[in-house]
Protein backbone atom coordinates (compact mmCIF):
# COMPACT_ATOMS: atom_id res chain seq x y z
CA UNK A 1 0.00 0.00 0.00
CA UNK A 2 1.19 3.41 -0.85
CA UNK A 3 1.33 6.17 1.67
CA UNK A 4 -1.59 8.18 0.23
CA UNK A 5 -3.75 5.02 0.15
CA UNK A 6 -3.07 4.42 3.83
CA UNK A 7 -4.05 8.02 4.62
CA UNK A 8 -7.23 7.64 2.59
CA UNK A 9 -8.08 4.39 4.43
CA UNK A 10 -7.30 6.04 7.78
CA UNK A 11 -9.52 9.04 6.94
CA UNK A 12 -12.37 6.75 5.83
CA UNK A 13 -12.19 4.65 9.01
CA UNK A 14 -12.03 7.82 11.11
CA UNK A 15 -15.05 9.33 9.30
CA UNK A 16 -17.19 6.22 9.77
CA UNK A 17 -16.07 5.94 13.39
CA UNK A 18 -17.19 9.49 14.07
CA UNK A 19 -20.46 8.88 12.24
CA UNK A 20 -21.13 5.73 14.29
CA UNK A 21 -20.32 7.57 17.52
CA UNK A 22 -22.76 10.37 16.66
CA UNK A 23 -25.48 7.86 15.83
CA UNK A 24 -25.00 6.00 19.12
CA UNK A 25 -25.00 9.28 21.09
CA UNK A 26 -28.24 10.36 19.40
CA UNK A 27 -29.97 7.11 20.30
CA UNK A 28 -28.71 7.23 23.89
CA UNK A 29 -29.72 10.89 24.30
CA UNK A 30 -33.23 10.07 23.06
CA UNK A 31 -33.51 7.25 25.60
CA UNK A 32 -32.21 9.52 28.39
CA UNK A 33 -34.68 12.25 27.42
CA UNK A 34 -37.62 9.83 27.50
CA UNK A 35 -36.54 8.44 30.87
CA UNK A 36 -36.13 11.95 32.30
CA UNK A 37 -39.58 12.93 31.00
CA UNK A 38 -41.16 9.82 32.51
CA UNK A 39 -39.46 10.48 35.88
CA UNK A 40 -40.53 14.14 35.81
CA UNK A 41 -44.12 13.14 35.12
CA UNK A 42 -44.12 10.60 37.93
CA UNK A 43 -42.36 12.67 40.57
CA UNK A 44 -44.13 16.00 40.13
CA UNK A 45 -42.90 19.27 41.53
CA UNK A 46 -43.42 21.29 44.67
CA UNK A 47 -46.36 23.59 43.90
CA UNK A 48 -48.29 26.39 45.55
CA UNK A 49 -49.38 25.93 49.16
CA UNK A 50 -46.73 23.18 49.51
CA UNK A 51 -48.92 20.70 47.63
CA UNK A 52 -47.42 18.13 45.31
CA UNK A 53 -48.38 19.08 41.78
CA UNK A 54 -47.45 16.91 38.81
CA UNK A 55 -47.21 17.36 35.10
CA UNK A 56 -50.14 15.17 34.10
CA UNK A 57 -53.29 16.03 32.21
CA UNK A 58 -55.41 16.19 35.38
CA UNK A 59 -52.89 18.48 37.06
CA UNK A 60 -52.90 20.95 34.18
CA UNK A 61 -56.69 20.74 33.90
CA UNK A 62 -56.98 21.61 37.60
CA UNK A 63 -54.52 24.51 37.23
CA UNK A 64 -56.50 25.84 34.28
CA UNK A 65 -59.79 25.58 36.17
CA UNK A 66 -58.22 27.35 39.16
CA UNK A 67 -57.03 30.10 36.84
CA UNK A 68 -60.57 30.44 35.45
CA UNK A 69 -61.88 30.83 39.03
CA UNK A 70 -59.27 33.49 39.86
CA UNK A 71 -60.12 35.40 36.70
CA UNK A 72 -63.84 35.20 37.50
CA UNK A 73 -63.06 36.80 40.88
CA UNK A 74 -61.01 39.50 39.15
CA UNK A 75 -63.91 40.21 36.78
CA UNK A 76 -66.30 40.53 39.71
CA UNK A 77 -63.95 43.01 41.34
CA UNK A 78 -63.68 44.88 38.03
CA UNK A 79 -67.49 45.20 37.85
CA UNK A 80 -67.70 46.60 41.37
CA UNK A 81 -64.91 49.14 40.92
CA UNK A 82 -65.94 50.36 37.42
CA UNK A 83 -62.85 52.43 36.65
CA UNK A 84 -61.29 52.68 33.18
CA UNK A 85 -57.71 52.20 34.32
CA UNK A 86 -58.70 49.13 36.35
CA UNK A 87 -60.32 47.50 33.32
CA UNK A 88 -57.04 47.54 31.43
CA UNK A 89 -55.13 46.42 34.53
CA UNK A 90 -57.48 43.48 35.10
CA UNK A 91 -57.14 42.46 31.45
CA UNK A 92 -53.35 42.59 31.80
CA UNK A 93 -53.52 40.41 34.91
CA UNK A 94 -55.74 37.91 33.09
CA UNK A 95 -53.27 37.77 30.20
CA UNK A 96 -50.40 37.27 32.67
CA UNK A 97 -52.23 34.42 34.41
CA UNK A 98 -52.90 32.63 31.12
CA UNK A 99 -49.40 33.20 29.78
CA UNK A 100 -48.03 31.61 32.95
CA UNK A 101 -50.25 28.55 32.54
CA UNK A 102 -49.50 28.23 28.82
CA UNK A 103 -45.75 28.55 29.44
CA UNK A 104 -45.88 25.82 32.10
CA UNK A 105 -47.61 23.49 29.64
CA UNK A 106 -45.23 24.41 26.81
CA UNK A 107 -42.21 23.61 29.00
CA UNK A 108 -43.47 20.08 29.65
CA UNK A 109 -44.71 19.13 26.18
CA UNK A 110 -41.31 18.83 24.41
CA UNK A 111 -40.27 16.22 26.99
CA UNK A 112 -43.25 13.97 26.39
CA UNK A 113 -43.21 14.22 22.60
CA UNK A 114 -40.88 12.55 20.12
CA UNK A 115 -38.17 14.72 18.59
CA UNK A 116 -40.16 15.24 15.38
CA UNK A 117 -43.37 16.04 17.26
CA UNK A 118 -41.52 18.37 19.62
CA UNK A 119 -39.92 20.22 16.70
CA UNK A 120 -43.31 20.58 14.97
CA UNK A 121 -44.92 21.73 18.24
CA UNK A 122 -42.21 24.34 18.90
CA UNK A 123 -42.49 25.68 15.35
CA UNK A 124 -46.29 25.85 15.63
CA UNK A 125 -46.03 27.59 19.01
CA UNK A 126 -43.61 30.18 17.64
CA UNK A 127 -45.96 30.92 14.75
CA UNK A 128 -48.90 31.21 17.14
CA UNK A 129 -46.97 33.64 19.36
CA UNK A 130 -46.16 35.84 16.35
CA UNK A 131 -49.83 35.99 15.35
CA UNK A 132 -51.34 36.12 18.86
CA UNK A 133 -51.56 39.90 19.09
CA UNK A 134 -53.31 40.34 15.76
CA UNK A 135 -56.76 39.34 14.59
CA UNK A 136 -58.25 38.98 11.16
CA UNK A 137 -57.06 41.59 8.67
CA UNK A 138 -53.97 42.04 10.87
CA UNK A 139 -55.78 44.31 13.32
CA UNK A 140 -54.18 44.65 16.74
CA UNK A 141 -56.20 42.87 19.41
CA UNK A 142 -56.96 44.32 22.81
CA UNK A 143 -55.27 42.87 25.87
CA UNK A 144 -58.54 41.18 26.85
CA UNK A 145 -58.81 39.50 23.43
CA UNK A 146 -55.16 38.39 23.67
CA UNK A 147 -55.92 36.85 27.07
CA UNK A 148 -58.90 35.00 25.60
CA UNK A 149 -56.73 33.75 22.71
CA UNK A 150 -54.04 32.59 25.15
CA UNK A 151 -56.66 30.78 27.27
CA UNK A 152 -58.08 29.08 24.18
CA UNK A 153 -54.59 28.05 23.06
CA UNK A 154 -53.77 26.57 26.48
CA UNK A 155 -56.95 24.49 26.55
CA UNK A 156 -56.50 23.44 22.90
CA UNK A 157 -52.94 22.22 23.53
CA UNK A 158 -54.03 20.44 26.70
CA UNK A 159 -56.73 18.54 24.82
CA UNK A 160 -54.52 17.91 21.78
CA UNK A 161 -51.77 16.29 23.86
CA UNK A 162 -54.08 14.75 26.46
CA UNK A 163 -52.85 11.21 25.84
CA UNK A 164 -49.18 12.19 26.09
CA UNK A 165 -49.64 13.90 29.46
CA UNK A 166 -51.15 10.91 31.26
C-alpha atoms as a PDB file:
ATOM      1  CA  UNK A   1       0.000   0.000   0.000  1.00  0.00           C
ATOM      2  CA  UNK A   2       1.192   3.406  -0.849  1.00  0.00           C
ATOM      3  CA  UNK A   3       1.333   6.172   1.670  1.00  0.00           C
ATOM      4  CA  UNK A   4      -1.593   8.181   0.230  1.00  0.00           C
ATOM      5  CA  UNK A   5      -3.748   5.021   0.152  1.00  0.00           C
ATOM      6  CA  UNK A   6      -3.067   4.422   3.834  1.00  0.00           C
ATOM      7  CA  UNK A   7      -4.050   8.020   4.623  1.00  0.00           C
ATOM      8  CA  UNK A   8      -7.234   7.637   2.590  1.00  0.00           C
ATOM      9  CA  UNK A   9      -8.082   4.389   4.429  1.00  0.00           C
ATOM     10  CA  UNK A  10      -7.301   6.041   7.776  1.00  0.00           C
ATOM     11  CA  UNK A  11      -9.523   9.041   6.936  1.00  0.00           C
ATOM     12  CA  UNK A  12     -12.370   6.745   5.825  1.00  0.00           C
ATOM     13  CA  UNK A  13     -12.192   4.648   9.009  1.00  0.00           C
ATOM     14  CA  UNK A  14     -12.031   7.821  11.106  1.00  0.00           C
ATOM     15  CA  UNK A  15     -15.046   9.330   9.298  1.00  0.00           C
ATOM     16  CA  UNK A  16     -17.190   6.222   9.769  1.00  0.00           C
ATOM     17  CA  UNK A  17     -16.066   5.942  13.395  1.00  0.00           C
ATOM     18  CA  UNK A  18     -17.188   9.494  14.072  1.00  0.00           C
ATOM     19  CA  UNK A  19     -20.460   8.876  12.242  1.00  0.00           C
ATOM     20  CA  UNK A  20     -21.131   5.730  14.286  1.00  0.00           C
ATOM     21  CA  UNK A  21     -20.322   7.568  17.518  1.00  0.00           C
ATOM     22  CA  UNK A  22     -22.765  10.367  16.660  1.00  0.00           C
ATOM     23  CA  UNK A  23     -25.477   7.860  15.832  1.00  0.00           C
ATOM     24  CA  UNK A  24     -25.004   6.003  19.119  1.00  0.00           C
ATOM     25  CA  UNK A  25     -25.002   9.282  21.087  1.00  0.00           C
ATOM     26  CA  UNK A  26     -28.236  10.362  19.400  1.00  0.00           C
ATOM     27  CA  UNK A  27     -29.967   7.105  20.296  1.00  0.00           C
ATOM     28  CA  UNK A  28     -28.708   7.230  23.888  1.00  0.00           C
ATOM     29  CA  UNK A  29     -29.721  10.886  24.301  1.00  0.00           C
ATOM     30  CA  UNK A  30     -33.226  10.075  23.056  1.00  0.00           C
ATOM     31  CA  UNK A  31     -33.506   7.251  25.602  1.00  0.00           C
ATOM     32  CA  UNK A  32     -32.205   9.516  28.391  1.00  0.00           C
ATOM     33  CA  UNK A  33     -34.681  12.253  27.417  1.00  0.00           C
ATOM     34  CA  UNK A  34     -37.617   9.831  27.502  1.00  0.00           C
ATOM     35  CA  UNK A  35     -36.545   8.436  30.868  1.00  0.00           C
ATOM     36  CA  UNK A  36     -36.132  11.946  32.298  1.00  0.00           C
ATOM     37  CA  UNK A  37     -39.585  12.934  31.005  1.00  0.00           C
ATOM     38  CA  UNK A  38     -41.157   9.822  32.513  1.00  0.00           C
ATOM     39  CA  UNK A  39     -39.455  10.477  35.876  1.00  0.00           C
ATOM     40  CA  UNK A  40     -40.529  14.141  35.805  1.00  0.00           C
ATOM     41  CA  UNK A  41     -44.122  13.137  35.121  1.00  0.00           C
ATOM     42  CA  UNK A  42     -44.117  10.596  37.925  1.00  0.00           C
ATOM     43  CA  UNK A  43     -42.362  12.673  40.575  1.00  0.00           C
ATOM     44  CA  UNK A  44     -44.132  16.002  40.135  1.00  0.00           C
ATOM     45  CA  UNK A  45     -42.897  19.272  41.528  1.00  0.00           C
ATOM     46  CA  UNK A  46     -43.421  21.291  44.666  1.00  0.00           C
ATOM     47  CA  UNK A  47     -46.357  23.594  43.897  1.00  0.00           C
ATOM     48  CA  UNK A  48     -48.289  26.392  45.547  1.00  0.00           C
ATOM     49  CA  UNK A  49     -49.385  25.927  49.160  1.00  0.00           C
ATOM     50  CA  UNK A  50     -46.734  23.183  49.506  1.00  0.00           C
ATOM     51  CA  UNK A  51     -48.918  20.697  47.626  1.00  0.00           C
ATOM     52  CA  UNK A  52     -47.424  18.133  45.313  1.00  0.00           C
ATOM     53  CA  UNK A  53     -48.381  19.082  41.776  1.00  0.00           C
ATOM     54  CA  UNK A  54     -47.450  16.906  38.812  1.00  0.00           C
ATOM     55  CA  UNK A  55     -47.212  17.357  35.099  1.00  0.00           C
ATOM     56  CA  UNK A  56     -50.137  15.168  34.104  1.00  0.00           C
ATOM     57  CA  UNK A  57     -53.288  16.030  32.207  1.00  0.00           C
ATOM     58  CA  UNK A  58     -55.413  16.185  35.377  1.00  0.00           C
ATOM     59  CA  UNK A  59     -52.890  18.477  37.060  1.00  0.00           C
ATOM     60  CA  UNK A  60     -52.900  20.946  34.177  1.00  0.00           C
ATOM     61  CA  UNK A  61     -56.686  20.736  33.901  1.00  0.00           C
ATOM     62  CA  UNK A  62     -56.980  21.611  37.597  1.00  0.00           C
ATOM     63  CA  UNK A  63     -54.519  24.507  37.228  1.00  0.00           C
ATOM     64  CA  UNK A  64     -56.502  25.845  34.281  1.00  0.00           C
ATOM     65  CA  UNK A  65     -59.787  25.577  36.170  1.00  0.00           C
ATOM     66  CA  UNK A  66     -58.224  27.351  39.164  1.00  0.00           C
ATOM     67  CA  UNK A  67     -57.031  30.103  36.839  1.00  0.00           C
ATOM     68  CA  UNK A  68     -60.566  30.436  35.448  1.00  0.00           C
ATOM     69  CA  UNK A  69     -61.878  30.826  39.025  1.00  0.00           C
ATOM     70  CA  UNK A  70     -59.274  33.487  39.859  1.00  0.00           C
ATOM     71  CA  UNK A  71     -60.119  35.403  36.703  1.00  0.00           C
ATOM     72  CA  UNK A  72     -63.836  35.198  37.504  1.00  0.00           C
ATOM     73  CA  UNK A  73     -63.061  36.800  40.879  1.00  0.00           C
ATOM     74  CA  UNK A  74     -61.009  39.499  39.149  1.00  0.00           C
ATOM     75  CA  UNK A  75     -63.906  40.211  36.776  1.00  0.00           C
ATOM     76  CA  UNK A  76     -66.302  40.532  39.712  1.00  0.00           C
ATOM     77  CA  UNK A  77     -63.950  43.013  41.342  1.00  0.00           C
ATOM     78  CA  UNK A  78     -63.679  44.878  38.033  1.00  0.00           C
ATOM     79  CA  UNK A  79     -67.491  45.196  37.853  1.00  0.00           C
ATOM     80  CA  UNK A  80     -67.702  46.604  41.369  1.00  0.00           C
ATOM     81  CA  UNK A  81     -64.906  49.140  40.916  1.00  0.00           C
ATOM     82  CA  UNK A  82     -65.944  50.362  37.421  1.00  0.00           C
ATOM     83  CA  UNK A  83     -62.846  52.434  36.646  1.00  0.00           C
ATOM     84  CA  UNK A  84     -61.293  52.678  33.178  1.00  0.00           C
ATOM     85  CA  UNK A  85     -57.706  52.197  34.323  1.00  0.00           C
ATOM     86  CA  UNK A  86     -58.697  49.132  36.347  1.00  0.00           C
ATOM     87  CA  UNK A  87     -60.321  47.502  33.321  1.00  0.00           C
ATOM     88  CA  UNK A  88     -57.037  47.536  31.433  1.00  0.00           C
ATOM     89  CA  UNK A  89     -55.134  46.422  34.533  1.00  0.00           C
ATOM     90  CA  UNK A  90     -57.479  43.476  35.099  1.00  0.00           C
ATOM     91  CA  UNK A  91     -57.144  42.457  31.446  1.00  0.00           C
ATOM     92  CA  UNK A  92     -53.350  42.586  31.802  1.00  0.00           C
ATOM     93  CA  UNK A  93     -53.520  40.410  34.913  1.00  0.00           C
ATOM     94  CA  UNK A  94     -55.737  37.913  33.085  1.00  0.00           C
ATOM     95  CA  UNK A  95     -53.269  37.769  30.198  1.00  0.00           C
ATOM     96  CA  UNK A  96     -50.398  37.268  32.670  1.00  0.00           C
ATOM     97  CA  UNK A  97     -52.228  34.415  34.408  1.00  0.00           C
ATOM     98  CA  UNK A  98     -52.904  32.625  31.122  1.00  0.00           C
ATOM     99  CA  UNK A  99     -49.400  33.201  29.781  1.00  0.00           C
ATOM    100  CA  UNK A 100     -48.030  31.613  32.954  1.00  0.00           C
ATOM    101  CA  UNK A 101     -50.252  28.549  32.536  1.00  0.00           C
ATOM    102  CA  UNK A 102     -49.503  28.233  28.821  1.00  0.00           C
ATOM    103  CA  UNK A 103     -45.748  28.553  29.438  1.00  0.00           C
ATOM    104  CA  UNK A 104     -45.879  25.821  32.102  1.00  0.00           C
ATOM    105  CA  UNK A 105     -47.610  23.489  29.642  1.00  0.00           C
ATOM    106  CA  UNK A 106     -45.232  24.407  26.811  1.00  0.00           C
ATOM    107  CA  UNK A 107     -42.214  23.615  28.995  1.00  0.00           C
ATOM    108  CA  UNK A 108     -43.470  20.079  29.651  1.00  0.00           C
ATOM    109  CA  UNK A 109     -44.706  19.127  26.176  1.00  0.00           C
ATOM    110  CA  UNK A 110     -41.310  18.830  24.413  1.00  0.00           C
ATOM    111  CA  UNK A 111     -40.267  16.222  26.995  1.00  0.00           C
ATOM    112  CA  UNK A 112     -43.254  13.967  26.391  1.00  0.00           C
ATOM    113  CA  UNK A 113     -43.210  14.216  22.597  1.00  0.00           C
ATOM    114  CA  UNK A 114     -40.879  12.546  20.123  1.00  0.00           C
ATOM    115  CA  UNK A 115     -38.172  14.716  18.591  1.00  0.00           C
ATOM    116  CA  UNK A 116     -40.159  15.244  15.375  1.00  0.00           C
ATOM    117  CA  UNK A 117     -43.369  16.038  17.256  1.00  0.00           C
ATOM    118  CA  UNK A 118     -41.519  18.369  19.622  1.00  0.00           C
ATOM    119  CA  UNK A 119     -39.922  20.224  16.698  1.00  0.00           C
ATOM    120  CA  UNK A 120     -43.308  20.584  14.971  1.00  0.00           C
ATOM    121  CA  UNK A 121     -44.919  21.727  18.237  1.00  0.00           C
ATOM    122  CA  UNK A 122     -42.211  24.336  18.903  1.00  0.00           C
ATOM    123  CA  UNK A 123     -42.485  25.685  15.355  1.00  0.00           C
ATOM    124  CA  UNK A 124     -46.285  25.848  15.630  1.00  0.00           C
ATOM    125  CA  UNK A 125     -46.027  27.587  19.008  1.00  0.00           C
ATOM    126  CA  UNK A 126     -43.606  30.184  17.642  1.00  0.00           C
ATOM    127  CA  UNK A 127     -45.964  30.918  14.748  1.00  0.00           C
ATOM    128  CA  UNK A 128     -48.900  31.214  17.142  1.00  0.00           C
ATOM    129  CA  UNK A 129     -46.968  33.637  19.365  1.00  0.00           C
ATOM    130  CA  UNK A 130     -46.155  35.835  16.350  1.00  0.00           C
ATOM    131  CA  UNK A 131     -49.830  35.995  15.347  1.00  0.00           C
ATOM    132  CA  UNK A 132     -51.335  36.119  18.864  1.00  0.00           C
ATOM    133  CA  UNK A 133     -51.557  39.900  19.094  1.00  0.00           C
ATOM    134  CA  UNK A 134     -53.305  40.335  15.765  1.00  0.00           C
ATOM    135  CA  UNK A 135     -56.756  39.343  14.593  1.00  0.00           C
ATOM    136  CA  UNK A 136     -58.252  38.980  11.162  1.00  0.00           C
ATOM    137  CA  UNK A 137     -57.056  41.585   8.666  1.00  0.00           C
ATOM    138  CA  UNK A 138     -53.970  42.041  10.873  1.00  0.00           C
ATOM    139  CA  UNK A 139     -55.776  44.306  13.325  1.00  0.00           C
ATOM    140  CA  UNK A 140     -54.184  44.651  16.742  1.00  0.00           C
ATOM    141  CA  UNK A 141     -56.202  42.865  19.414  1.00  0.00           C
ATOM    142  CA  UNK A 142     -56.961  44.319  22.813  1.00  0.00           C
ATOM    143  CA  UNK A 143     -55.270  42.874  25.874  1.00  0.00           C
ATOM    144  CA  UNK A 144     -58.536  41.184  26.849  1.00  0.00           C
ATOM    145  CA  UNK A 145     -58.805  39.499  23.426  1.00  0.00           C
ATOM    146  CA  UNK A 146     -55.160  38.392  23.669  1.00  0.00           C
ATOM    147  CA  UNK A 147     -55.917  36.853  27.068  1.00  0.00           C
ATOM    148  CA  UNK A 148     -58.902  34.998  25.596  1.00  0.00           C
ATOM    149  CA  UNK A 149     -56.731  33.746  22.707  1.00  0.00           C
ATOM    150  CA  UNK A 150     -54.045  32.592  25.152  1.00  0.00           C
ATOM    151  CA  UNK A 151     -56.657  30.780  27.268  1.00  0.00           C
ATOM    152  CA  UNK A 152     -58.083  29.083  24.177  1.00  0.00           C
ATOM    153  CA  UNK A 153     -54.585  28.047  23.058  1.00  0.00           C
ATOM    154  CA  UNK A 154     -53.774  26.574  26.481  1.00  0.00           C
ATOM    155  CA  UNK A 155     -56.954  24.493  26.551  1.00  0.00           C
ATOM    156  CA  UNK A 156     -56.503  23.436  22.901  1.00  0.00           C
ATOM    157  CA  UNK A 157     -52.936  22.215  23.534  1.00  0.00           C
ATOM    158  CA  UNK A 158     -54.033  20.438  26.702  1.00  0.00           C
ATOM    159  CA  UNK A 159     -56.726  18.537  24.819  1.00  0.00           C
ATOM    160  CA  UNK A 160     -54.518  17.914  21.780  1.00  0.00           C
ATOM    161  CA  UNK A 161     -51.769  16.285  23.858  1.00  0.00           C
ATOM    162  CA  UNK A 162     -54.077  14.750  26.463  1.00  0.00           C
ATOM    163  CA  UNK A 163     -52.847  11.212  25.840  1.00  0.00           C
ATOM    164  CA  UNK A 164     -49.181  12.188  26.089  1.00  0.00           C
ATOM    165  CA  UNK A 165     -49.639  13.900  29.464  1.00  0.00           C
ATOM    166  CA  UNK A 166     -51.151  10.908  31.264  1.00  0.00           C
END
